Amino acid sequence: MGALVLAGCAEGGTGGTAGTGSQSGGVEYGATKEQYRAAFADVDPITLRTQTPAPKGSATGKNVEDYLAAITEWSDGKIKFDVQYSNAVAPPAEIDDALRDGRLDLGQVLPIYEPAEYPANAALISTSFVSDQSVVVGTLQSNAWPWRSPRTSRPSPRSSRTTA
């Protein structure tokens, strides 16, 4: 996602070859934080609108908050984020629409929530997983695996739970 954010901030231009770092005004693969900061020295500040499904400060949203903070740090504060929490801008099935219509600049599209719009992704997921990947049934199936099933005579080795 970081490459996406940084690519979205890049300006097109002439002269220089894409991906060659110094000729294109970018940074080389493996560049340090200081090299990134130097590359952003002449860039006007930008604020990107984004959202996270988690509440602010929650353990489930920490990875997103840390990632956005790292981008801000590595860009020397030139890239900042207007973060909305708990899917306040768009529910998961509308994130692609929010990106298209400008409500969001950055978002995580979950194609499995819209199989009709993303049939190739839905087919890949359906053939790749044994379980049902729908929101309710898939979640129940993936979280129930440690417990003994009525069809098995012994509990999972990872579970200490027993049933009557």
Protein backbone atom coordinates (compact mmCIF):
# COMPACT_ATOMS: atom_id res chain seq x y z
CA MET A 1 0.00 0.00 0.00
CA GLY A 2 2.93 2.36 0.62
CA ALA A 3 3.98 2.17 -3.01
CA LEU A 4 0.41 2.99 -3.97
CA VAL A 5 0.39 6.07 -1.75
CA LEU A 6 3.75 7.27 -2.99
CA ALA A 7 2.91 6.49 -6.61
CA GLY A 8 -0.30 8.46 -6.26
CA CYS A 9 1.70 11.49 -5.18
CA ALA A 10 4.15 11.26 -8.08
CA GLU A 11 4.04 13.83 -10.82
CA GLY A 12 4.30 12.84 -14.44
CA GLY A 13 6.96 14.57 -16.47
CA THR A 14 9.46 14.39 -19.24
CA GLY A 15 13.12 13.54 -19.11
CA GLY A 16 14.37 10.68 -17.04
CA THR A 17 13.50 7.04 -17.14
CA ALA A 18 10.86 5.59 -14.87
CA GLY A 19 12.29 3.66 -11.97
CA THR A 20 15.83 4.97 -12.22
CA GLY A 21 15.71 6.95 -9.02
CA SER A 22 17.95 9.95 -9.49
CA GLN A 23 16.84 10.60 -13.08
CA SER A 24 13.14 10.47 -12.23
CA GLY A 25 13.46 12.43 -8.98
CA GLY A 26 12.48 9.40 -6.92
CA VAL A 27 14.40 7.15 -4.62
CA GLU A 28 16.11 3.85 -5.26
CA TYR A 29 14.81 0.57 -3.89
CA GLY A 30 16.00 0.15 -0.32
CA ALA A 31 16.36 3.89 0.27
CA THR A 32 16.70 5.10 3.84
CA LYS A 33 14.23 7.27 5.70
CA GLU A 34 16.56 10.24 5.24
CA GLN A 35 16.66 9.66 1.47
CA TYR A 36 12.85 9.59 1.37
CA ARG A 37 12.68 12.78 3.41
CA ALA A 38 15.12 14.47 1.05
CA ALA A 39 13.05 13.36 -1.94
CA PHE A 40 9.99 15.02 -0.40
CA ALA A 41 11.81 18.27 0.41
CA ASP A 42 10.30 20.20 -2.52
CA VAL A 43 6.91 18.47 -2.50
CA ASP A 44 3.88 20.48 -1.45
CA PRO A 45 2.09 18.97 1.55
CA ILE A 46 -0.85 16.71 0.74
CA THR A 47 -3.63 15.37 2.91
CA LEU A 48 -5.28 12.13 1.82
CA ARG A 49 -8.71 11.05 3.02
CA THR A 50 -8.90 7.47 4.23
CA GLN A 51 -10.76 5.27 6.67
CA THR A 52 -10.21 2.25 8.84
CA PRO A 53 -12.83 -0.29 9.91
CA ALA A 54 -11.64 -0.09 13.51
CA PRO A 55 -12.34 2.50 16.21
CA LYS A 56 -9.57 5.01 16.93
CA GLY A 57 -6.84 3.56 19.13
CA SER A 58 -8.18 0.00 19.04
CA ALA A 59 -5.92 -3.02 18.90
CA THR A 60 -7.54 -4.13 15.63
CA GLY A 61 -6.76 -0.81 13.95
CA LYS A 62 -3.25 -0.32 15.31
CA ASN A 63 -1.59 -1.71 12.19
CA VAL A 64 -3.37 0.81 9.96
CA GLU A 65 -2.67 3.72 12.31
CA ASP A 66 1.01 2.72 12.56
CA TYR A 67 1.28 2.39 8.78
CA LEU A 68 -0.21 5.83 8.13
CA ALA A 69 2.02 7.34 10.83
CA ALA A 70 5.07 5.76 9.17
CA ILE A 71 4.17 7.28 5.79
CA THR A 72 3.82 10.69 7.43
CA GLU A 73 7.16 10.22 9.19
CA TRP A 74 9.02 8.97 6.10
CA SER A 75 7.63 11.81 3.97
CA ASP A 76 8.83 14.29 6.61
CA GLY A 77 5.24 15.29 7.25
CA LYS A 78 4.50 16.06 3.60
CA ILE A 79 1.88 13.29 3.38
CA LYS A 80 -0.77 13.44 6.07
CA PHE A 81 -4.03 11.59 6.46
CA ASP A 82 -7.53 12.66 7.36
CA VAL A 83 -8.53 9.34 8.95
CA GLN A 84 -12.14 8.42 9.59
CA TYR A 85 -12.74 5.51 11.93
CA SER A 86 -15.24 2.65 12.07
CA ASN A 87 -15.97 2.81 8.32
CA ALA A 88 -17.49 6.28 8.80
CA VAL A 89 -17.17 7.22 5.11
CA ALA A 90 -18.24 4.02 3.38
CA PRO A 91 -19.18 0.49 4.41
CA PRO A 92 -16.92 -2.30 3.08
CA ALA A 93 -19.09 -3.01 0.02
CA GLU A 94 -18.91 0.66 -1.06
CA ILE A 95 -15.20 1.44 -0.62
CA ASP A 96 -14.53 1.06 -4.34
CA ASP A 97 -17.36 3.54 -5.05
CA ALA A 98 -15.96 5.96 -2.45
CA LEU A 99 -12.54 5.82 -4.15
CA ARG A 100 -14.16 6.44 -7.52
CA ASP A 101 -16.36 9.36 -6.45
CA GLY A 102 -13.69 11.08 -4.33
CA ARG A 103 -15.01 10.47 -0.82
CA LEU A 104 -11.79 8.52 -0.16
CA ASP A 105 -8.28 8.92 -1.59
CA LEU A 106 -6.99 5.71 -0.05
CA GLY A 107 -8.98 2.64 0.92
CA GLN A 108 -8.85 -1.11 1.22
CA VAL A 109 -11.26 -2.72 -1.24
CA LEU A 110 -12.56 -6.13 -0.20
CA PRO A 111 -13.70 -7.76 -3.45
CA ILE A 112 -15.30 -10.75 -1.70
CA TYR A 113 -18.08 -8.43 -0.48
CA GLU A 114 -19.02 -7.69 -4.11
CA PRO A 115 -18.65 -10.94 -6.07
CA ALA A 116 -20.80 -9.67 -8.95
CA GLU A 117 -18.44 -6.72 -9.49
CA TYR A 118 -15.27 -8.77 -9.03
CA PRO A 119 -16.14 -12.20 -10.48
CA ALA A 120 -12.53 -13.29 -11.12
CA ASN A 121 -11.61 -12.61 -7.50
CA ALA A 122 -14.75 -14.36 -6.25
CA ALA A 123 -13.98 -17.41 -8.41
CA LEU A 124 -10.40 -17.55 -7.14
CA ILE A 125 -11.52 -17.34 -3.52
CA SER A 126 -14.28 -19.90 -4.02
CA THR A 127 -11.86 -22.41 -5.52
CA SER A 128 -9.06 -21.66 -3.06
CA PHE A 129 -10.94 -22.21 0.18
CA VAL A 130 -12.87 -25.20 1.40
CA SER A 131 -15.09 -23.11 3.65
CA ASP A 132 -17.87 -20.68 2.78
CA GLN A 133 -16.43 -17.16 2.55
CA SER A 134 -19.64 -15.23 3.13
CA VAL A 135 -19.57 -12.64 5.88
CA VAL A 136 -21.56 -14.54 8.53
CA VAL A 137 -21.08 -18.22 7.66
CA GLY A 138 -17.42 -17.80 6.69
CA THR A 139 -16.61 -16.02 9.95
CA LEU A 140 -18.39 -18.68 11.99
CA GLN A 141 -16.59 -21.47 10.13
CA SER A 142 -13.15 -19.92 10.45
CA ASN A 143 -13.59 -19.28 14.18
CA ALA A 144 -15.14 -22.64 14.99
CA TRP A 145 -12.30 -24.87 13.78
CA PRO A 146 -10.67 -25.38 17.23
CA TRP A 147 -13.77 -27.00 18.71
CA ARG A 148 -14.98 -30.52 18.27
CA SER A 149 -17.43 -31.00 15.49
CA PRO A 150 -20.46 -33.30 15.95
CA ARG A 151 -18.88 -35.46 13.21
CA THR A 152 -15.57 -35.96 14.99
CA SER A 153 -14.96 -38.06 18.05
CA ARG A 154 -12.04 -36.08 19.43
CA PRO A 155 -11.39 -32.38 20.01
CA SER A 156 -8.84 -30.47 18.00
CA PRO A 157 -5.32 -30.69 19.53
CA ARG A 158 -5.32 -26.87 19.77
CA SER A 159 -8.46 -26.80 21.85
CA SER A 160 -8.93 -27.74 25.48
CA ARG A 161 -12.65 -27.19 25.21
CA THR A 162 -14.82 -30.28 25.51
CA THR A 163 -18.47 -30.75 24.69
CA ALA A 164 -21.01 -33.09 26.16
